[in-house]
Amino acid sequence: MDQNVLTYLACICFIFILGRIFILPLKKILKLIFNSILGGISIFVINLIGGSFGFHIGLNFFTSILIRDIRLTRCYLLDCC
């Protein structure tokens, strides 16, 4: 009985330690995904507006990351709200 309780406590501590180790990389990955989605949305909006002028940006993962790195989504989309 005592050995089972110690095993459960050790497993719970191990899970908390692993959670602490992996939380920062997980936050960075989620931030990358979120900003890439915002970059894709901004490219889509640019294509909607620029379509009447003959302006087009290819919408793929690499261009959305580029838009995210330039921070167009933060400057124009998030500050306007």
C-alpha atoms as a PDB file:
ATOM      1  CA  MET A   1       0.000   0.000   0.000  1.00  0.00           C
ATOM      2  CA  ASP A   2       2.725   2.495   0.937  1.00  0.00           C
ATOM      3  CA  GLN A   3       4.720   1.618  -2.151  1.00  0.00           C
ATOM      4  CA  ASN A   4       1.722   2.385  -4.388  1.00  0.00           C
ATOM      5  CA  VAL A   5       1.256   5.800  -2.804  1.00  0.00           C
ATOM      6  CA  LEU A   6       4.946   6.607  -3.277  1.00  0.00           C
ATOM      7  CA  THR A   7       4.755   5.463  -6.897  1.00  0.00           C
ATOM      8  CA  TYR A   8       1.740   7.691  -7.566  1.00  0.00           C
ATOM      9  CA  LEU A   9       3.436  10.688  -5.936  1.00  0.00           C
ATOM     10  CA  ALA A  10       6.624  10.085  -7.912  1.00  0.00           C
ATOM     11  CA  CYS A  11       4.641   9.879 -11.174  1.00  0.00           C
ATOM     12  CA  ILE A  12       2.784  13.094 -10.388  1.00  0.00           C
ATOM     13  CA  CYS A  13       6.060  14.884  -9.615  1.00  0.00           C
ATOM     14  CA  PHE A  14       7.571  13.527 -12.831  1.00  0.00           C
ATOM     15  CA  ILE A  15       4.612  14.828 -14.861  1.00  0.00           C
ATOM     16  CA  PHE A  16       4.953  18.295 -13.299  1.00  0.00           C
ATOM     17  CA  ILE A  17       8.689  18.373 -14.026  1.00  0.00           C
ATOM     18  CA  LEU A  18       8.122  17.384 -17.661  1.00  0.00           C
ATOM     19  CA  GLY A  19       5.402  20.015 -17.941  1.00  0.00           C
ATOM     20  CA  ARG A  20       7.798  22.695 -16.711  1.00  0.00           C
ATOM     21  CA  ILE A  21      10.494  21.609 -19.166  1.00  0.00           C
ATOM     22  CA  PHE A  22       8.250  21.576 -22.245  1.00  0.00           C
ATOM     23  CA  ILE A  23       6.017  24.593 -21.560  1.00  0.00           C
ATOM     24  CA  LEU A  24       8.360  27.218 -23.057  1.00  0.00           C
ATOM     25  CA  PRO A  25       8.953  25.468 -26.393  1.00  0.00           C
ATOM     26  CA  LEU A  26       5.228  24.765 -26.604  1.00  0.00           C
ATOM     27  CA  LYS A  27       4.425  28.449 -26.071  1.00  0.00           C
ATOM     28  CA  LYS A  28       6.858  29.435 -28.827  1.00  0.00           C
ATOM     29  CA  ILE A  29       5.372  26.909 -31.245  1.00  0.00           C
ATOM     30  CA  LEU A  30       1.819  28.061 -30.492  1.00  0.00           C
ATOM     31  CA  LYS A  31       2.872  31.698 -30.952  1.00  0.00           C
ATOM     32  CA  LEU A  32       4.444  30.815 -34.325  1.00  0.00           C
ATOM     33  CA  ILE A  33       1.250  29.078 -35.437  1.00  0.00           C
ATOM     34  CA  PHE A  34      -0.977  31.935 -34.246  1.00  0.00           C
ATOM     35  CA  ASN A  35       1.139  34.604 -35.933  1.00  0.00           C
ATOM     36  CA  SER A  36       1.337  32.555 -39.135  1.00  0.00           C
ATOM     37  CA  ILE A  37      -2.453  32.326 -39.206  1.00  0.00           C
ATOM     38  CA  LEU A  38      -2.671  36.100 -38.740  1.00  0.00           C
ATOM     39  CA  GLY A  39      -0.121  36.518 -41.538  1.00  0.00           C
ATOM     40  CA  GLY A  40      -2.225  34.307 -43.804  1.00  0.00           C
ATOM     41  CA  ILE A  41      -5.330  36.308 -43.018  1.00  0.00           C
ATOM     42  CA  SER A  42      -3.525  39.563 -43.781  1.00  0.00           C
ATOM     43  CA  ILE A  43      -2.258  38.163 -47.114  1.00  0.00           C
ATOM     44  CA  PHE A  44      -5.813  37.097 -47.944  1.00  0.00           C
ATOM     45  CA  VAL A  45      -7.096  40.608 -47.185  1.00  0.00           C
ATOM     46  CA  ILE A  46      -4.284  42.154 -49.252  1.00  0.00           C
ATOM     47  CA  ASN A  47      -5.200  39.838 -52.142  1.00  0.00           C
ATOM     48  CA  LEU A  48      -8.870  40.825 -51.874  1.00  0.00           C
ATOM     49  CA  ILE A  49      -8.065  44.520 -51.980  1.00  0.00           C
ATOM     50  CA  GLY A  50      -5.165  44.278 -54.414  1.00  0.00           C
ATOM     51  CA  GLY A  51      -7.042  42.009 -56.825  1.00  0.00           C
ATOM     52  CA  SER A  52      -8.783  44.983 -58.384  1.00  0.00           C
ATOM     53  CA  PHE A  53      -5.381  46.619 -58.993  1.00  0.00           C
ATOM     54  CA  GLY A  54      -3.683  43.503 -60.363  1.00  0.00           C
ATOM     55  CA  PHE A  55      -1.623  42.953 -57.205  1.00  0.00           C
ATOM     56  CA  HIS A  56      -1.325  39.409 -55.862  1.00  0.00           C
ATOM     57  CA  ILE A  57       0.779  37.710 -53.170  1.00  0.00           C
ATOM     58  CA  GLY A  58       0.991  33.935 -53.115  1.00  0.00           C
ATOM     59  CA  LEU A  59      -0.686  32.502 -50.043  1.00  0.00           C
ATOM     60  CA  ASN A  60       1.411  29.702 -48.571  1.00  0.00           C
ATOM     61  CA  PHE A  61       3.109  28.877 -45.310  1.00  0.00           C
ATOM     62  CA  PHE A  62       6.403  30.586 -46.177  1.00  0.00           C
ATOM     63  CA  THR A  63       4.860  33.910 -47.156  1.00  0.00           C
ATOM     64  CA  SER A  64       2.700  33.929 -44.043  1.00  0.00           C
ATOM     65  CA  ILE A  65       5.849  33.394 -41.946  1.00  0.00           C
ATOM     66  CA  LEU A  66       7.519  36.232 -43.850  1.00  0.00           C
ATOM     67  CA  ILE A  67       4.590  38.523 -43.134  1.00  0.00           C
ATOM     68  CA  ARG A  68       4.767  37.422 -39.494  1.00  0.00           C
ATOM     69  CA  ASP A  69       8.468  38.239 -39.341  1.00  0.00           C
ATOM     70  CA  ILE A  70       7.915  41.662 -40.849  1.00  0.00           C
ATOM     71  CA  ARG A  71       5.218  42.162 -38.193  1.00  0.00           C
ATOM     72  CA  LEU A  72       2.643  43.506 -40.631  1.00  0.00           C
ATOM     73  CA  THR A  73      -0.067  41.668 -38.778  1.00  0.00           C
ATOM     74  CA  ARG A  74       0.779  43.298 -35.479  1.00  0.00           C
ATOM     75  CA  CYS A  75       1.203  46.773 -36.944  1.00  0.00           C
ATOM     76  CA  TYR A  76      -1.863  46.919 -39.129  1.00  0.00           C
ATOM     77  CA  LEU A  77      -4.384  44.341 -38.016  1.00  0.00           C
ATOM     78  CA  LEU A  78      -4.050  44.360 -34.251  1.00  0.00           C
ATOM     79  CA  ASP A  79      -3.544  48.107 -33.745  1.00  0.00           C
ATOM     80  CA  CYS A  80      -6.601  48.990 -35.791  1.00  0.00           C
ATOM     81  CA  CYS A  81      -8.978  47.222 -33.382  1.00  0.00           C
END
